[in-house]
């Protein structure tokens, strides 16, 4: 939730409800509905860490609302996120967030994100192939490496599909 909110704030100041709606609009029905409480808790944490700053804005006949804006530290954190490949068990989720939000923020283009992720996968495959050569005698190690190779190949296939859809 943290980085997607920063990405949305890169387009301009907004309050919590606007951010929740923007998330739902950007990702459509395939994205789980965002909890308002989670949005506001995350905004509070981002503000405490200096990545955003909030300001009370008066409204006619309604309580004041808190509008948040990205700080320079927040912009740097967001740029660093877009600049690194996604790793770990949630690669597709993290990468997909970048793919949808990058163009929205004008901080990353889909083609560049796909190329970065593809390069990362290919480097990981090369490393696994080198490891497999050294573990040819160990059946269990070989199976683990083969499983990771299959996951990386599937990710590369999915990246091709993303490229067709987004570029």
Protein backbone atom coordinates (compact mmCIF):
# COMPACT_ATOMS: atom_id res chain seq x y z
CA UNK A 1 0.00 0.00 0.00
CA UNK A 2 2.90 2.32 0.83
CA UNK A 3 4.49 2.65 -2.61
CA UNK A 4 1.23 2.75 -4.59
CA UNK A 5 0.07 5.67 -2.43
CA UNK A 6 3.37 7.47 -3.02
CA UNK A 7 2.95 6.85 -6.75
CA UNK A 8 -0.53 8.33 -6.76
CA UNK A 9 0.68 11.37 -4.82
CA UNK A 10 3.37 11.90 -7.48
CA UNK A 11 0.59 13.16 -9.74
CA UNK A 12 -0.48 15.79 -7.21
CA UNK A 13 -1.85 16.35 -3.70
CA UNK A 14 -4.88 14.32 -2.64
CA UNK A 15 -6.82 13.25 0.44
CA UNK A 16 -7.33 9.67 1.57
CA UNK A 17 -10.68 9.06 -0.08
CA UNK A 18 -9.38 10.36 -3.42
CA UNK A 19 -6.38 8.05 -3.16
CA UNK A 20 -8.54 5.01 -2.43
CA UNK A 21 -10.73 5.80 -5.43
CA UNK A 22 -7.68 6.40 -7.63
CA UNK A 23 -6.29 2.97 -6.68
CA UNK A 24 -9.56 1.29 -7.57
CA UNK A 25 -9.79 3.25 -10.81
CA UNK A 26 -6.21 2.50 -11.87
CA UNK A 27 -6.43 -1.25 -11.24
CA UNK A 28 -10.08 -2.01 -11.89
CA UNK A 29 -12.05 -4.89 -10.44
CA UNK A 30 -9.07 -7.28 -10.47
CA UNK A 31 -7.47 -5.42 -7.57
CA UNK A 32 -8.80 -6.15 -4.08
CA UNK A 33 -10.96 -3.38 -2.64
CA UNK A 34 -8.87 -1.05 -0.54
CA UNK A 35 -9.77 -0.58 3.11
CA UNK A 36 -10.19 3.10 4.06
CA UNK A 37 -8.56 2.47 7.43
CA UNK A 38 -5.52 0.94 5.78
CA UNK A 39 -5.17 3.98 3.51
CA UNK A 40 -5.26 6.44 6.42
CA UNK A 41 -2.92 4.38 8.61
CA UNK A 42 -0.44 4.13 5.74
CA UNK A 43 -0.70 7.86 5.06
CA UNK A 44 0.06 8.56 8.73
CA UNK A 45 3.13 6.33 8.58
CA UNK A 46 4.32 7.93 5.35
CA UNK A 47 3.93 11.37 6.90
CA UNK A 48 5.86 10.35 10.05
CA UNK A 49 8.68 9.02 7.89
CA UNK A 50 8.87 12.30 5.95
CA UNK A 51 7.86 10.86 2.57
CA UNK A 52 4.67 12.93 2.40
CA UNK A 53 3.35 15.98 4.19
CA UNK A 54 -0.24 16.66 5.14
CA UNK A 55 -2.13 19.91 5.43
CA UNK A 56 -5.58 20.60 6.85
CA UNK A 57 -7.89 22.13 4.25
CA UNK A 58 -11.11 23.81 5.32
CA UNK A 59 -14.37 22.87 3.60
CA UNK A 60 -17.73 24.64 3.51
CA UNK A 61 -20.24 23.03 5.90
CA UNK A 62 -17.98 20.01 6.44
CA UNK A 63 -15.09 19.17 8.70
CA UNK A 64 -11.62 20.03 7.41
CA UNK A 65 -9.90 17.34 5.41
CA UNK A 66 -6.23 16.43 5.36
CA UNK A 67 -4.59 16.71 1.95
CA UNK A 68 -1.25 14.99 1.39
CA UNK A 69 1.59 15.85 -0.96
CA UNK A 70 4.76 13.99 -1.88
CA UNK A 71 8.03 15.35 -0.44
CA UNK A 72 11.38 15.22 -2.20
CA UNK A 73 12.33 12.24 0.00
CA UNK A 74 9.11 10.56 -1.12
CA UNK A 75 9.87 11.27 -4.76
CA UNK A 76 13.38 9.78 -4.37
CA UNK A 77 11.97 6.67 -2.66
CA UNK A 78 9.45 6.24 -5.45
CA UNK A 79 12.07 6.70 -8.19
CA UNK A 80 14.27 4.09 -6.48
CA UNK A 81 11.34 1.64 -6.40
CA UNK A 82 10.73 2.03 -10.13
CA UNK A 83 14.46 1.67 -10.83
CA UNK A 84 14.93 -1.74 -9.20
CA UNK A 85 13.61 -5.08 -10.42
CA UNK A 86 10.98 -6.89 -8.38
CA UNK A 87 12.08 -9.93 -6.40
CA UNK A 88 10.78 -12.49 -3.97
CA UNK A 89 7.52 -14.35 -3.71
CA UNK A 90 5.38 -11.44 -4.81
CA UNK A 91 7.22 -10.49 -8.00
CA UNK A 92 4.11 -10.32 -10.12
CA UNK A 93 2.21 -8.21 -7.59
CA UNK A 94 5.06 -5.71 -7.09
CA UNK A 95 5.92 -5.57 -10.77
CA UNK A 96 2.28 -5.16 -11.76
CA UNK A 97 1.93 -2.21 -9.36
CA UNK A 98 4.91 -0.57 -11.05
CA UNK A 99 3.59 -1.37 -14.52
CA UNK A 100 0.22 0.25 -13.86
CA UNK A 101 1.41 3.17 -11.73
CA UNK A 102 4.65 4.04 -13.57
CA UNK A 103 3.01 5.66 -16.59
CA UNK A 104 0.36 7.22 -14.35
CA UNK A 105 3.11 9.06 -12.44
CA UNK A 106 5.27 9.68 -15.50
CA UNK A 107 8.20 8.28 -13.51
CA UNK A 108 8.53 5.02 -15.43
CA UNK A 109 7.48 3.76 -18.84
CA UNK A 110 6.07 0.24 -19.27
CA UNK A 111 8.73 -0.78 -21.80
CA UNK A 112 11.58 0.25 -19.48
CA UNK A 113 10.01 -1.61 -16.54
CA UNK A 114 9.48 -4.75 -18.63
CA UNK A 115 13.04 -4.61 -19.99
CA UNK A 116 14.48 -4.17 -16.48
CA UNK A 117 12.50 -7.12 -15.14
CA UNK A 118 13.37 -9.27 -18.16
CA UNK A 119 17.10 -8.53 -17.71
CA UNK A 120 16.82 -9.44 -14.05
CA UNK A 121 15.14 -12.77 -14.90
CA UNK A 122 17.72 -13.61 -17.55
CA UNK A 123 20.58 -12.86 -15.15
CA UNK A 124 18.93 -15.05 -12.51
CA UNK A 125 18.56 -17.85 -15.08
CA UNK A 126 22.26 -17.62 -15.99
CA UNK A 127 23.14 -17.86 -12.30
CA UNK A 128 20.89 -20.87 -11.83
CA UNK A 129 22.35 -22.64 -14.83
CA UNK A 130 25.84 -22.11 -13.37
CA UNK A 131 24.62 -23.47 -10.01
CA UNK A 132 23.02 -26.47 -11.70
CA UNK A 133 26.35 -27.40 -13.26
CA UNK A 134 27.93 -27.57 -9.81
CA UNK A 135 25.09 -29.51 -8.19
CA UNK A 136 24.62 -32.21 -10.81
CA UNK A 137 25.41 -34.86 -8.19
CA UNK A 138 22.81 -33.60 -5.70
CA UNK A 139 19.31 -34.63 -6.77
CA UNK A 140 17.43 -32.44 -4.29
CA UNK A 141 19.49 -29.35 -5.13
CA UNK A 142 18.99 -30.03 -8.82
CA UNK A 143 15.22 -30.24 -8.29
CA UNK A 144 15.14 -26.94 -6.42
CA UNK A 145 17.14 -25.26 -9.17
CA UNK A 146 14.93 -26.76 -11.87
CA UNK A 147 11.85 -25.48 -10.06
CA UNK A 148 13.25 -21.96 -9.89
CA UNK A 149 14.22 -22.13 -13.58
CA UNK A 150 10.64 -23.07 -14.44
CA UNK A 151 9.30 -20.15 -12.39
CA UNK A 152 11.66 -17.73 -14.12
CA UNK A 153 10.70 -19.05 -17.57
CA UNK A 154 7.04 -18.60 -16.68
CA UNK A 155 7.79 -15.05 -15.54
CA UNK A 156 9.56 -14.34 -18.83
CA UNK A 157 6.51 -15.62 -20.73
CA UNK A 158 4.28 -13.39 -18.59
CA UNK A 159 6.54 -10.40 -19.26
CA UNK A 160 6.08 -11.01 -23.00
CA UNK A 161 2.33 -10.90 -22.44
CA UNK A 162 2.68 -7.69 -20.42
CA UNK A 163 4.69 -6.17 -23.24
CA UNK A 164 1.95 -7.03 -25.74
CA UNK A 165 -0.69 -5.44 -23.51
CA UNK A 166 1.14 -2.33 -22.28
CA UNK A 167 3.35 -1.27 -25.17
